[in-house]
Amino acid sequence: MIVELEKQLKDAEADREARRKDKEEEKLPSASVPRDILTELDALRAENTNLKREQRLMASAFHDQASRLQVTTVTLQRQSEQPASWLGKQRRIVEGNLARMGVGRR
């Protein structure tokens, strides 16, 4: 029984060592991957970084433009709103009557 346990222990250690070597080989891509593929991968990563930067700039420009347009639209809407107060309505009525009579603001 002790002999069997020692054999199982040696087999487990051998398996663990084999897995460790496999993981080390995965960590070192330069040994198994050709140099031109690594160069291309670096170029694609650089391009990806540039495209992400461009996307952020475009999004910020779009946001800036949309906020400016919204401010302009709100300002124009406020200028054409009818007065809500009683006094404002009375002023509109008087201004309309004065305009019809030919008397205007100076």
PDB file of N, CA and C in Angstrom:
ATOM      1  N   MET A   1       0.816  -1.183   0.000  1.00  0.00           N
ATOM      2  CA  MET A   1       0.000   0.000   0.000  1.00  0.00           C
ATOM      3  C   MET A   1       0.867   1.257   0.000  1.00  0.00           C
ATOM      4  N   ILE A   2       1.931   1.306   0.736  1.00  0.00           N
ATOM      5  CA  ILE A   2       2.829   2.456   0.762  1.00  0.00           C
ATOM      6  C   ILE A   2       3.470   2.643  -0.602  1.00  0.00           C
ATOM      7  N   VAL A   3       3.792   1.552  -1.266  1.00  0.00           N
ATOM      8  CA  VAL A   3       4.409   1.617  -2.588  1.00  0.00           C
ATOM      9  C   VAL A   3       3.436   2.262  -3.584  1.00  0.00           C
ATOM     10  N   GLU A   4       2.160   1.893  -3.485  1.00  0.00           N
ATOM     11  CA  GLU A   4       1.156   2.475  -4.381  1.00  0.00           C
ATOM     12  C   GLU A   4       1.007   3.973  -4.127  1.00  0.00           C
ATOM     13  N   LEU A   5       1.004   4.369  -2.878  1.00  0.00           N
ATOM     14  CA  LEU A   5       0.883   5.783  -2.548  1.00  0.00           C
ATOM     15  C   LEU A   5       2.096   6.576  -3.038  1.00  0.00           C
ATOM     16  N   GLU A   6       3.281   6.006  -2.903  1.00  0.00           N
ATOM     17  CA  GLU A   6       4.479   6.672  -3.413  1.00  0.00           C
ATOM     18  C   GLU A   6       4.419   6.812  -4.924  1.00  0.00           C
ATOM     19  N   LYS A   7       3.905   5.791  -5.612  1.00  0.00           N
ATOM     20  CA  LYS A   7       3.781   5.846  -7.072  1.00  0.00           C
ATOM     21  C   LYS A   7       2.776   6.931  -7.467  1.00  0.00           C
ATOM     22  N   GLN A   8       1.632   6.996  -6.761  1.00  0.00           N
ATOM     23  CA  GLN A   8       0.631   8.024  -7.042  1.00  0.00           C
ATOM     24  C   GLN A   8       1.201   9.421  -6.785  1.00  0.00           C
ATOM     25  N   LEU A   9       1.982   9.567  -5.740  1.00  0.00           N
ATOM     26  CA  LEU A   9       2.612  10.839  -5.429  1.00  0.00           C
ATOM     27  C   LEU A   9       3.570  11.260  -6.533  1.00  0.00           C
ATOM     28  N   LYS A  10       4.402  10.330  -7.017  1.00  0.00           N
ATOM     29  CA  LYS A  10       5.335  10.634  -8.106  1.00  0.00           C
ATOM     30  C   LYS A  10       4.591  11.003  -9.380  1.00  0.00           C
ATOM     31  N   ASP A  11       3.493  10.274  -9.678  1.00  0.00           N
ATOM     32  CA  ASP A  11       2.695  10.589 -10.871  1.00  0.00           C
ATOM     33  C   ASP A  11       2.073  11.981 -10.758  1.00  0.00           C
ATOM     34  N   ALA A  12       1.561  12.310  -9.569  1.00  0.00           N
ATOM     35  CA  ALA A  12       0.954  13.630  -9.367  1.00  0.00           C
ATOM     36  C   ALA A  12       1.993  14.733  -9.509  1.00  0.00           C
ATOM     37  N   GLU A  13       3.188  14.516  -8.980  1.00  0.00           N
ATOM     38  CA  GLU A  13       4.256  15.508  -9.107  1.00  0.00           C
ATOM     39  C   GLU A  13       4.674  15.666 -10.561  1.00  0.00           C
ATOM     40  N   ALA A  14       4.723  14.563 -11.295  1.00  0.00           N
ATOM     41  CA  ALA A  14       5.080  14.628 -12.715  1.00  0.00           C
ATOM     42  C   ALA A  14       4.017  15.394 -13.500  1.00  0.00           C
ATOM     43  N   ASP A  15       2.739  15.131 -13.196  1.00  0.00           N
ATOM     44  CA  ASP A  15       1.658  15.865 -13.869  1.00  0.00           C
ATOM     45  C   ASP A  15       1.722  17.356 -13.553  1.00  0.00           C
ATOM     46  N   ARG A  16       1.964  17.694 -12.299  1.00  0.00           N
ATOM     47  CA  ARG A  16       2.059  19.087 -11.889  1.00  0.00           C
ATOM     48  C   ARG A  16       3.220  19.779 -12.599  1.00  0.00           C
ATOM     49  N   GLU A  17       4.339  19.095 -12.714  1.00  0.00           N
ATOM     50  CA  GLU A  17       5.508  19.648 -13.406  1.00  0.00           C
ATOM     51  C   GLU A  17       5.208  19.861 -14.888  1.00  0.00           C
ATOM     52  N   ALA A  18       4.508  18.919 -15.495  1.00  0.00           N
ATOM     53  CA  ALA A  18       4.145  19.057 -16.912  1.00  0.00           C
ATOM     54  C   ALA A  18       3.207  20.240 -17.113  1.00  0.00           C
ATOM     55  N   ARG A  19       2.228  20.422 -16.230  1.00  0.00           N
ATOM     56  CA  ARG A  19       1.313  21.566 -16.329  1.00  0.00           C
ATOM     57  C   ARG A  19       2.060  22.882 -16.146  1.00  0.00           C
ATOM     58  N   ARG A  20       3.008  22.912 -15.218  1.00  0.00           N
ATOM     59  CA  ARG A  20       3.789  24.125 -14.997  1.00  0.00           C
ATOM     60  C   ARG A  20       4.579  24.498 -16.234  1.00  0.00           C
ATOM     61  N   LYS A  21       5.166  23.493 -16.894  1.00  0.00           N
ATOM     62  CA  LYS A  21       5.930  23.754 -18.117  1.00  0.00           C
ATOM     63  C   LYS A  21       5.019  24.248 -19.237  1.00  0.00           C
ATOM     64  N   ASP A  22       3.810  23.675 -19.322  1.00  0.00           N
ATOM     65  CA  ASP A  22       2.860  24.122 -20.337  1.00  0.00           C
ATOM     66  C   ASP A  22       2.464  25.587 -20.113  1.00  0.00           C
ATOM     67  N   LYS A  23       2.245  25.952 -18.855  1.00  0.00           N
ATOM     68  CA  LYS A  23       1.881  27.340 -18.550  1.00  0.00           C
ATOM     69  C   LYS A  23       3.023  28.293 -18.865  1.00  0.00           C
ATOM     70  N   GLU A  24       4.241  27.893 -18.598  1.00  0.00           N
ATOM     71  CA  GLU A  24       5.394  28.739 -18.909  1.00  0.00           C
ATOM     72  C   GLU A  24       5.515  28.945 -20.409  1.00  0.00           C
ATOM     73  N   GLU A  25       5.250  27.908 -21.181  1.00  0.00           N
ATOM     74  CA  GLU A  25       5.322  28.038 -22.633  1.00  0.00           C
ATOM     75  C   GLU A  25       4.236  28.965 -23.154  1.00  0.00           C
ATOM     76  N   GLU A  26       3.062  28.956 -22.513  1.00  0.00           N
ATOM     77  CA  GLU A  26       1.998  29.873 -22.912  1.00  0.00           C
ATOM     78  C   GLU A  26       2.375  31.314 -22.608  1.00  0.00           C
ATOM     79  N   LYS A  27       3.102  31.546 -21.536  1.00  0.00           N
ATOM     80  CA  LYS A  27       3.502  32.895 -21.159  1.00  0.00           C
ATOM     81  C   LYS A  27       4.558  33.471 -22.093  1.00  0.00           C
ATOM     82  N   LEU A  28       5.321  32.658 -22.736  1.00  0.00           N
ATOM     83  CA  LEU A  28       6.376  33.117 -23.622  1.00  0.00           C
ATOM     84  C   LEU A  28       5.967  32.918 -25.072  1.00  0.00           C
ATOM     85  N   PRO A  29       5.214  33.858 -25.640  1.00  0.00           N
ATOM     86  CA  PRO A  29       4.754  33.682 -27.016  1.00  0.00           C
ATOM     87  C   PRO A  29       5.864  33.860 -28.039  1.00  0.00           C
ATOM     88  N   SER A  30       6.909  34.585 -27.693  1.00  0.00           N
ATOM     89  CA  SER A  30       7.954  34.856 -28.677  1.00  0.00           C
ATOM     90  C   SER A  30       8.693  33.589 -29.100  1.00  0.00           C
ATOM     91  N   ALA A  31       8.713  32.589 -28.256  1.00  0.00           N
ATOM     92  CA  ALA A  31       9.417  31.361 -28.606  1.00  0.00           C
ATOM     93  C   ALA A  31       8.641  30.546 -29.630  1.00  0.00           C
ATOM     94  N   SER A  32       7.308  30.618 -29.566  1.00  0.00           N
ATOM     95  CA  SER A  32       6.519  29.783 -30.465  1.00  0.00           C
ATOM     96  C   SER A  32       5.849  30.569 -31.586  1.00  0.00           C
ATOM     97  N   VAL A  33       5.791  31.908 -31.491  1.00  0.00           N
ATOM     98  CA  VAL A  33       5.129  32.728 -32.490  1.00  0.00           C
ATOM     99  C   VAL A  33       6.190  33.437 -33.337  1.00  0.00           C
ATOM    100  N   PRO A  34       6.013  33.435 -34.655  1.00  0.00           N
ATOM    101  CA  PRO A  34       6.992  34.109 -35.530  1.00  0.00           C
ATOM    102  C   PRO A  34       7.068  35.611 -35.249  1.00  0.00           C
ATOM    103  N   ARG A  35       8.213  36.192 -35.518  1.00  0.00           N
ATOM    104  CA  ARG A  35       8.489  37.593 -35.213  1.00  0.00           C
ATOM    105  C   ARG A  35       7.577  38.531 -36.002  1.00  0.00           C
ATOM    106  N   ASP A  36       7.260  38.211 -37.262  1.00  0.00           N
ATOM    107  CA  ASP A  36       6.427  39.106 -38.070  1.00  0.00           C
ATOM    108  C   ASP A  36       5.001  39.187 -37.537  1.00  0.00           C
ATOM    109  N   ILE A  37       4.523  38.113 -36.941  1.00  0.00           N
ATOM    110  CA  ILE A  37       3.190  38.150 -36.353  1.00  0.00           C
ATOM    111  C   ILE A  37       3.190  39.057 -35.119  1.00  0.00           C
ATOM    112  N   LEU A  38       4.251  38.991 -34.335  1.00  0.00           N
ATOM    113  CA  LEU A  38       4.341  39.874 -33.165  1.00  0.00           C
ATOM    114  C   LEU A  38       4.431  41.332 -33.578  1.00  0.00           C
ATOM    115  N   THR A  39       5.158  41.611 -34.643  1.00  0.00           N
ATOM    116  CA  THR A  39       5.262  42.976 -35.145  1.00  0.00           C
ATOM    117  C   THR A  39       3.900  43.474 -35.616  1.00  0.00           C
ATOM    118  N   GLU A  40       3.185  42.621 -36.325  1.00  0.00           N
ATOM    119  CA  GLU A  40       1.855  42.984 -36.794  1.00  0.00           C
ATOM    120  C   GLU A  40       0.899  43.200 -35.622  1.00  0.00           C
ATOM    121  N   LEU A  41       1.025  42.367 -34.604  1.00  0.00           N
ATOM    122  CA  LEU A  41       0.195  42.510 -33.413  1.00  0.00           C
ATOM    123  C   LEU A  41       0.467  43.844 -32.721  1.00  0.00           C
ATOM    124  N   ASP A  42       1.717  44.235 -32.617  1.00  0.00           N
ATOM    125  CA  ASP A  42       2.060  45.528 -32.017  1.00  0.00           C
ATOM    126  C   ASP A  42       1.481  46.679 -32.840  1.00  0.00           C
ATOM    127  N   ALA A  43       1.557  46.559 -34.160  1.00  0.00           N
ATOM    128  CA  ALA A  43       1.013  47.603 -35.030  1.00  0.00           C
ATOM    129  C   ALA A  43      -0.501  47.708 -34.861  1.00  0.00           C
ATOM    130  N   LEU A  44      -1.164  46.565 -34.759  1.00  0.00           N
ATOM    131  CA  LEU A  44      -2.612  46.582 -34.586  1.00  0.00           C
ATOM    132  C   LEU A  44      -3.003  47.157 -33.228  1.00  0.00           C
ATOM    133  N   ARG A  45      -2.224  46.868 -32.209  1.00  0.00           N
ATOM    134  CA  ARG A  45      -2.504  47.457 -30.893  1.00  0.00           C
ATOM    135  C   ARG A  45      -2.343  48.972 -30.924  1.00  0.00           C
ATOM    136  N   ALA A  46      -1.308  49.450 -31.599  1.00  0.00           N
ATOM    137  CA  ALA A  46      -1.093  50.893 -31.715  1.00  0.00           C
ATOM    138  C   ALA A  46      -2.244  51.540 -32.483  1.00  0.00           C
ATOM    139  N   GLU A  47      -2.673  50.893 -33.562  1.00  0.00           N
ATOM    140  CA  GLU A  47      -3.798  51.419 -34.340  1.00  0.00           C
ATOM    141  C   GLU A  47      -5.075  51.430 -33.498  1.00  0.00           C
ATOM    142  N   ASN A  48      -5.268  50.379 -32.718  1.00  0.00           N
ATOM    143  CA  ASN A  48      -6.435  50.309 -31.844  1.00  0.00           C
ATOM    144  C   ASN A  48      -6.426  51.446 -30.830  1.00  0.00           C
ATOM    145  N   THR A  49      -5.269  51.730 -30.279  1.00  0.00           N
ATOM    146  CA  THR A  49      -5.142  52.840 -29.325  1.00  0.00           C
ATOM    147  C   THR A  49      -5.493  54.169 -29.999  1.00  0.00           C
ATOM    148  N   ASN A  50      -4.988  54.364 -31.216  1.00  0.00           N
ATOM    149  CA  ASN A  50      -5.286  55.596 -31.947  1.00  0.00           C
ATOM    150  C   ASN A  50      -6.769  55.710 -32.264  1.00  0.00           C
ATOM    151  N   LEU A  51      -7.387  54.593 -32.640  1.00  0.00           N
ATOM    152  CA  LEU A  51      -8.812  54.620 -32.960  1.00  0.00           C
ATOM    153  C   LEU A  51      -9.653  54.902 -31.716  1.00  0.00           C
ATOM    154  N   LYS A  52      -9.257  54.368 -30.582  1.00  0.00           N
ATOM    155  CA  LYS A  52      -9.974  54.662 -29.340  1.00  0.00           C
ATOM    156  C   LYS A  52      -9.867  56.138 -28.990  1.00  0.00           C
ATOM    157  N   ARG A  53      -8.678  56.714 -29.179  1.00  0.00           N
ATOM    158  CA  ARG A  53      -8.486  58.140 -28.913  1.00  0.00           C
ATOM    159  C   ARG A  53      -9.368  58.973 -29.843  1.00  0.00           C
ATOM    160  N   GLU A  54      -9.393  58.609 -31.125  1.00  0.00           N
ATOM    161  CA  GLU A  54     -10.210  59.327 -32.089  1.00  0.00           C
ATOM    162  C   GLU A  54     -11.692  59.219 -31.728  1.00  0.00           C
ATOM    163  N   GLN A  55     -12.116  58.053 -31.295  1.00  0.00           N
ATOM    164  CA  GLN A  55     -13.504  57.855 -30.907  1.00  0.00           C
ATOM    165  C   GLN A  55     -13.870  58.742 -29.712  1.00  0.00           C
ATOM    166  N   ARG A  56     -12.969  58.837 -28.734  1.00  0.00           N
ATOM    167  CA  ARG A  56     -13.229  59.709 -27.587  1.00  0.00           C
ATOM    168  C   ARG A  56     -13.324  61.171 -28.018  1.00  0.00           C
ATOM    169  N   LEU A  57     -12.437  61.589 -28.928  1.00  0.00           N
ATOM    170  CA  LEU A  57     -12.478  62.972 -29.410  1.00  0.00           C
ATOM    171  C   LEU A  57     -13.775  63.259 -30.169  1.00  0.00           C
ATOM    172  N   MET A  58     -14.192  62.319 -31.000  1.00  0.00           N
ATOM    173  CA  MET A  58     -15.428  62.511 -31.759  1.00  0.00           C
ATOM    174  C   MET A  58     -16.635  62.572 -30.820  1.00  0.00           C
ATOM    175  N   ALA A  59     -16.641  61.726 -29.806  1.00  0.00           N
ATOM    176  CA  ALA A  59     -17.757  61.722 -28.856  1.00  0.00           C
ATOM    177  C   ALA A  59     -17.805  63.038 -28.087  1.00  0.00           C
ATOM    178  N   SER A  60     -16.650  63.538 -27.679  1.00  0.00           N
ATOM    179  CA  SER A  60     -16.637  64.802 -26.938  1.00  0.00           C
ATOM    180  C   SER A  60     -17.045  65.968 -27.846  1.00  0.00           C
ATOM    181  N   ALA A  61     -16.619  65.948 -29.106  1.00  0.00           N
ATOM    182  CA  ALA A  61     -17.015  67.002 -30.045  1.00  0.00           C
ATOM    183  C   ALA A  61     -18.520  66.952 -30.306  1.00  0.00           C
ATOM    184  N   PHE A  62     -19.043  65.744 -30.455  1.00  0.00           N
ATOM    185  CA  PHE A  62     -20.485  65.597 -30.676  1.00  0.00           C
ATOM    186  C   PHE A  62     -21.257  66.110 -29.469  1.00  0.00           C
ATOM    187  N   HIS A  63     -20.786  65.771 -28.279  1.00  0.00           N
ATOM    188  CA  HIS A  63     -21.450  66.227 -27.049  1.00  0.00           C
ATOM    189  C   HIS A  63     -21.410  67.758 -26.959  1.00  0.00           C
ATOM    190  N   ASP A  64     -20.261  68.334 -27.267  1.00  0.00           N
ATOM    191  CA  ASP A  64     -20.106  69.786 -27.206  1.00  0.00           C
ATOM    192  C   ASP A  64     -21.046  70.470 -28.189  1.00  0.00           C
ATOM    193  N   GLN A  65     -21.102  69.939 -29.415  1.00  0.00           N
ATOM    194  CA  GLN A  65     -21.959  70.528 -30.435  1.00  0.00           C
ATOM    195  C   GLN A  65     -23.437  70.400 -30.049  1.00  0.00           C
ATOM    196  N   ALA A  66     -23.812  69.245 -29.526  1.00  0.00           N
ATOM    197  CA  ALA A  66     -25.211  69.031 -29.140  1.00  0.00           C
ATOM    198  C   ALA A  66     -25.603  69.955 -27.988  1.00  0.00           C
ATOM    199  N   SER A  67     -24.707  70.139 -27.023  1.00  0.00           N
ATOM    200  CA  SER A  67     -25.039  71.023 -25.908  1.00  0.00           C
ATOM    201  C   SER A  67     -25.147  72.473 -26.374  1.00  0.00           C
ATOM    202  N   ARG A  68     -24.303  72.895 -27.295  1.00  0.00           N
ATOM    203  CA  ARG A  68     -24.405  74.268 -27.831  1.00  0.00           C
ATOM    204  C   ARG A  68     -25.704  74.455 -28.593  1.00  0.00           C
ATOM    205  N   LEU A  69     -26.076  73.467 -29.389  1.00  0.00           N
ATOM    206  CA  LEU A  69     -27.326  73.544 -30.147  1.00  0.00           C
ATOM    207  C   LEU A  69     -28.521  73.598 -29.205  1.00  0.00           C
ATOM    208  N   GLN A  70     -28.463  72.832 -28.139  1.00  0.00           N
ATOM    209  CA  GLN A  70     -29.555  72.823 -27.176  1.00  0.00           C
ATOM    210  C   GLN A  70     -29.690  74.176 -26.488  1.00  0.00           C
ATOM    211  N   VAL A  71     -28.570  74.788 -26.120  1.00  0.00           N
ATOM    212  CA  VAL A  71     -28.611  76.103 -25.472  1.00  0.00           C
ATOM    213  C   VAL A  71     -29.201  77.130 -26.434  1.00  0.00           C
ATOM    214  N   THR A  72     -28.815  77.085 -27.702  1.00  0.00           N
ATOM    215  CA  THR A  72     -29.336  78.012 -28.699  1.00  0.00           C
ATOM    216  C   THR A  72     -30.830  77.808 -28.877  1.00  0.00           C
ATOM    217  N   THR A  73     -31.264  76.567 -28.952  1.00  0.00           N
ATOM    218  CA  THR A  73     -32.684  76.269 -29.133  1.00  0.00           C
ATOM    219  C   THR A  73     -33.499  76.735 -27.943  1.00  0.00           C
ATOM    220  N   VAL A  74     -33.012  76.511 -26.749  1.00  0.00           N
ATOM    221  CA  VAL A  74     -33.732  76.947 -25.545  1.00  0.00           C
ATOM    222  C   VAL A  74     -33.839  78.465 -25.515  1.00  0.00           C
ATOM    223  N   THR A  75     -32.778  79.153 -25.894  1.00  0.00           N
ATOM    224  CA  THR A  75     -32.796  80.611 -25.909  1.00  0.00           C
ATOM    225  C   THR A  75     -33.817  81.128 -26.919  1.00  0.00           C
ATOM    226  N   LEU A  76     -33.846  80.516 -28.109  1.00  0.00           N
ATOM    227  CA  LEU A  76     -34.808  80.943 -29.120  1.00  0.00           C
ATOM    228  C   LEU A  76     -36.239  80.653 -28.682  1.00  0.00           C
ATOM    229  N   GLN A  77     -36.467  79.557 -28.010  1.00  0.00           N
ATOM    230  CA  GLN A  77     -37.808  79.229 -27.541  1.00  0.00           C
ATOM    231  C   GLN A  77     -38.267  80.220 -26.475  1.00  0.00           C
ATOM    232  N   ARG A  78     -37.378  80.637 -25.627  1.00  0.00           N
ATOM    233  CA  ARG A  78     -37.744  81.572 -24.567  1.00  0.00           C
ATOM    234  C   ARG A  78     -38.125  82.927 -25.137  1.00  0.00           C
ATOM    235  N   GLN A  79     -37.494  83.320 -26.231  1.00  0.00           N
ATOM    236  CA  GLN A  79     -37.792  84.620 -26.812  1.00  0.00           C
ATOM    237  C   GLN A  79     -39.189  84.652 -27.425  1.00  0.00           C
ATOM    238  N   SER A  80     -39.681  83.530 -27.916  1.00  0.00           N
ATOM    239  CA  SER A  80     -40.977  83.524 -28.582  1.00  0.00           C
ATOM    240  C   SER A  80     -42.118  83.127 -27.657  1.00  0.00           C
ATOM    241  N   GLU A  81     -41.828  82.849 -26.395  1.00  0.00           N
ATOM    242  CA  GLU A  81     -42.880  82.459 -25.461  1.00  0.00           C
ATOM    243  C   GLU A  81     -43.780  83.648 -25.144  1.00  0.00           C
ATOM    244  N   GLN A  82     -45.030  83.353 -24.983  1.00  0.00           N
ATOM    245  CA  GLN A  82     -45.991  84.367 -24.589  1.00  0.00           C
ATOM    246  C   GLN A  82     -45.869  84.600 -23.085  1.00  0.00           C
ATOM    247  N   PRO A  83     -46.068  85.805 -22.628  1.00  0.00           N
ATOM    248  CA  PRO A  83     -45.969  86.064 -21.197  1.00  0.00           C
ATOM    249  C   PRO A  83     -47.057  85.304 -20.440  1.00  0.00           C
ATOM    250  N   ALA A  84     -46.694  84.770 -19.305  1.00  0.00           N
ATOM    251  CA  ALA A  84     -47.638  83.978 -18.521  1.00  0.00           C
ATOM    252  C   ALA A  84     -48.325  84.821 -17.451  1.00  0.00           C
ATOM    253  N   SER A  85     -47.722  85.928 -17.066  1.00  0.00           N
ATOM    254  CA  SER A  85     -48.305  86.727 -15.981  1.00  0.00           C
ATOM    255  C   SER A  85     -49.402  87.649 -16.523  1.00  0.00           C
ATOM    256  N   TRP A  86     -50.258  88.115 -15.647  1.00  0.00           N
ATOM    257  CA  TRP A  86     -51.346  89.009 -16.035  1.00  0.00           C
ATOM    258  C   TRP A  86     -50.786  90.323 -16.579  1.00  0.00           C
ATOM    259  N   LEU A  87     -49.746  90.854 -15.907  1.00  0.00           N
ATOM    260  CA  LEU A  87     -49.153  92.113 -16.326  1.00  0.00           C
ATOM    261  C   LEU A  87     -48.522  91.980 -17.709  1.00  0.00           C
ATOM    262  N   GLY A  88     -47.857  90.855 -17.961  1.00  0.00           N
ATOM    263  CA  GLY A  88     -47.257  90.636 -19.283  1.00  0.00           C
ATOM    264  C   GLY A  88     -48.305  90.576 -20.375  1.00  0.00           C
ATOM    265  N   LYS A  89     -49.427  89.937 -20.078  1.00  0.00           N
ATOM    266  CA  LYS A  89     -50.516  89.874 -21.063  1.00  0.00           C
ATOM    267  C   LYS A  89     -51.080  91.258 -21.344  1.00  0.00           C
ATOM    268  N   GLN A  90     -51.218  92.056 -20.315  1.00  0.00           N
ATOM    269  CA  GLN A  90     -51.738  93.410 -20.496  1.00  0.00           C
ATOM    270  C   GLN A  90     -50.791  94.255 -21.340  1.00  0.00           C
ATOM    271  N   ARG A  91     -49.482  94.085 -21.104  1.00  0.00           N
ATOM    272  CA  ARG A  91     -48.505  94.827 -21.911  1.00  0.00           C
ATOM    273  C   ARG A  91     -48.617  94.436 -23.380  1.00  0.00           C
ATOM    274  N   ARG A  92     -48.799  93.162 -23.666  1.00  0.00           N
ATOM    275  CA  ARG A  92     -48.945  92.706 -25.051  1.00  0.00           C
ATOM    276  C   ARG A  92     -50.177  93.331 -25.707  1.00  0.00           C
ATOM    277  N   ILE A  93     -51.263  93.369 -24.959  1.00  0.00           N
ATOM    278  CA  ILE A  93     -52.503  93.935 -25.506  1.00  0.00           C
ATOM    279  C   ILE A  93     -52.295  95.410 -25.826  1.00  0.00           C
ATOM    280  N   VAL A  94     -51.699  96.157 -24.896  1.00  0.00           N
ATOM    281  CA  VAL A  94     -51.473  97.595 -25.091  1.00  0.00           C
ATOM    282  C   VAL A  94     -50.517  97.828 -26.256  1.00  0.00           C
ATOM    283  N   GLU A  95     -49.432  97.017 -26.333  1.00  0.00           N
ATOM    284  CA  GLU A  95     -48.478  97.183 -27.439  1.00  0.00           C
ATOM    285  C   GLU A  95     -49.154  96.907 -28.776  1.00  0.00           C
ATOM    286  N   GLY A  96     -50.031  95.914 -28.812  1.00  0.00           N
ATOM    287  CA  GLY A  96     -50.754  95.614 -30.053  1.00  0.00           C
ATOM    288  C   GLY A  96     -51.666  96.756 -30.461  1.00  0.00           C
ATOM    289  N   ASN A  97     -52.377  97.346 -29.503  1.00  0.00           N
ATOM    290  CA  ASN A  97     -53.272  98.470 -29.799  1.00  0.00           C
ATOM    291  C   ASN A  97     -52.482  99.693 -30.244  1.00  0.00           C
ATOM    292  N   LEU A  98     -51.362  99.952 -29.591  1.00  0.00           N
ATOM    293  CA  LEU A  98     -50.543 101.104 -29.974  1.00  0.00           C
ATOM    294  C   LEU A  98     -49.968 100.922 -31.376  1.00  0.00           C
ATOM    295  N   ALA A  99     -49.610  99.710 -31.700  1.00  0.00           N
ATOM    296  CA  ALA A  99     -49.053  99.454 -33.033  1.00  0.00           C
ATOM    297  C   ALA A  99     -50.112  99.680 -34.099  1.00  0.00           C
ATOM    298  N   ARG A 100     -51.353  99.305 -33.825  1.00  0.00           N
ATOM    299  CA  ARG A 100     -52.429  99.509 -34.794  1.00  0.00           C
ATOM    300  C   ARG A 100     -52.747 100.999 -34.975  1.00  0.00           C
ATOM    301  N   MET A 101     -52.568 101.760 -33.935  1.00  0.00           N
ATOM    302  CA  MET A 101     -52.837 103.198 -34.010  1.00  0.00           C
ATOM    303  C   MET A 101     -51.646 103.956 -34.620  1.00  0.00           C
ATOM    304  N   GLY A 102     -50.541 103.276 -34.822  1.00  0.00           N
ATOM    305  CA  GLY A 102     -49.397 103.932 -35.426  1.00  0.00           C
ATOM    306  C   GLY A 102     -48.430 104.520 -34.410  1.00  0.00           C
ATOM    307  N   VAL A 103     -48.678 104.300 -33.161  1.00  0.00           N
ATOM    308  CA  VAL A 103     -47.787 104.796 -32.130  1.00  0.00           C
ATOM    309  C   VAL A 103     -46.923 103.624 -31.702  1.00  0.00           C
ATOM    310  N   GLY A 104     -45.630 103.794 -31.752  1.00  0.00           N
ATOM    311  CA  GLY A 104     -44.759 102.689 -31.383  1.00  0.00           C
ATOM    312  C   GLY A 104     -43.752 103.078 -30.324  1.00  0.00           C
ATOM    313  N   ARG A 105     -43.007 102.146 -29.903  1.00  0.00           N
ATOM    314  CA  ARG A 105     -41.938 102.411 -28.915  1.00  0.00           C
ATOM    315  C   ARG A 105     -40.812 103.170 -29.573  1.00  0.00           C
ATOM    316  N   ARG A 106     -40.171 103.966 -28.792  1.00  0.00           N
ATOM    317  CA  ARG A 106     -39.024 104.706 -29.337  1.00  0.00           C
ATOM    318  C   ARG A 106     -37.790 104.247 -28.690  1.00  0.00           C
TER     319      ARG A 106
END
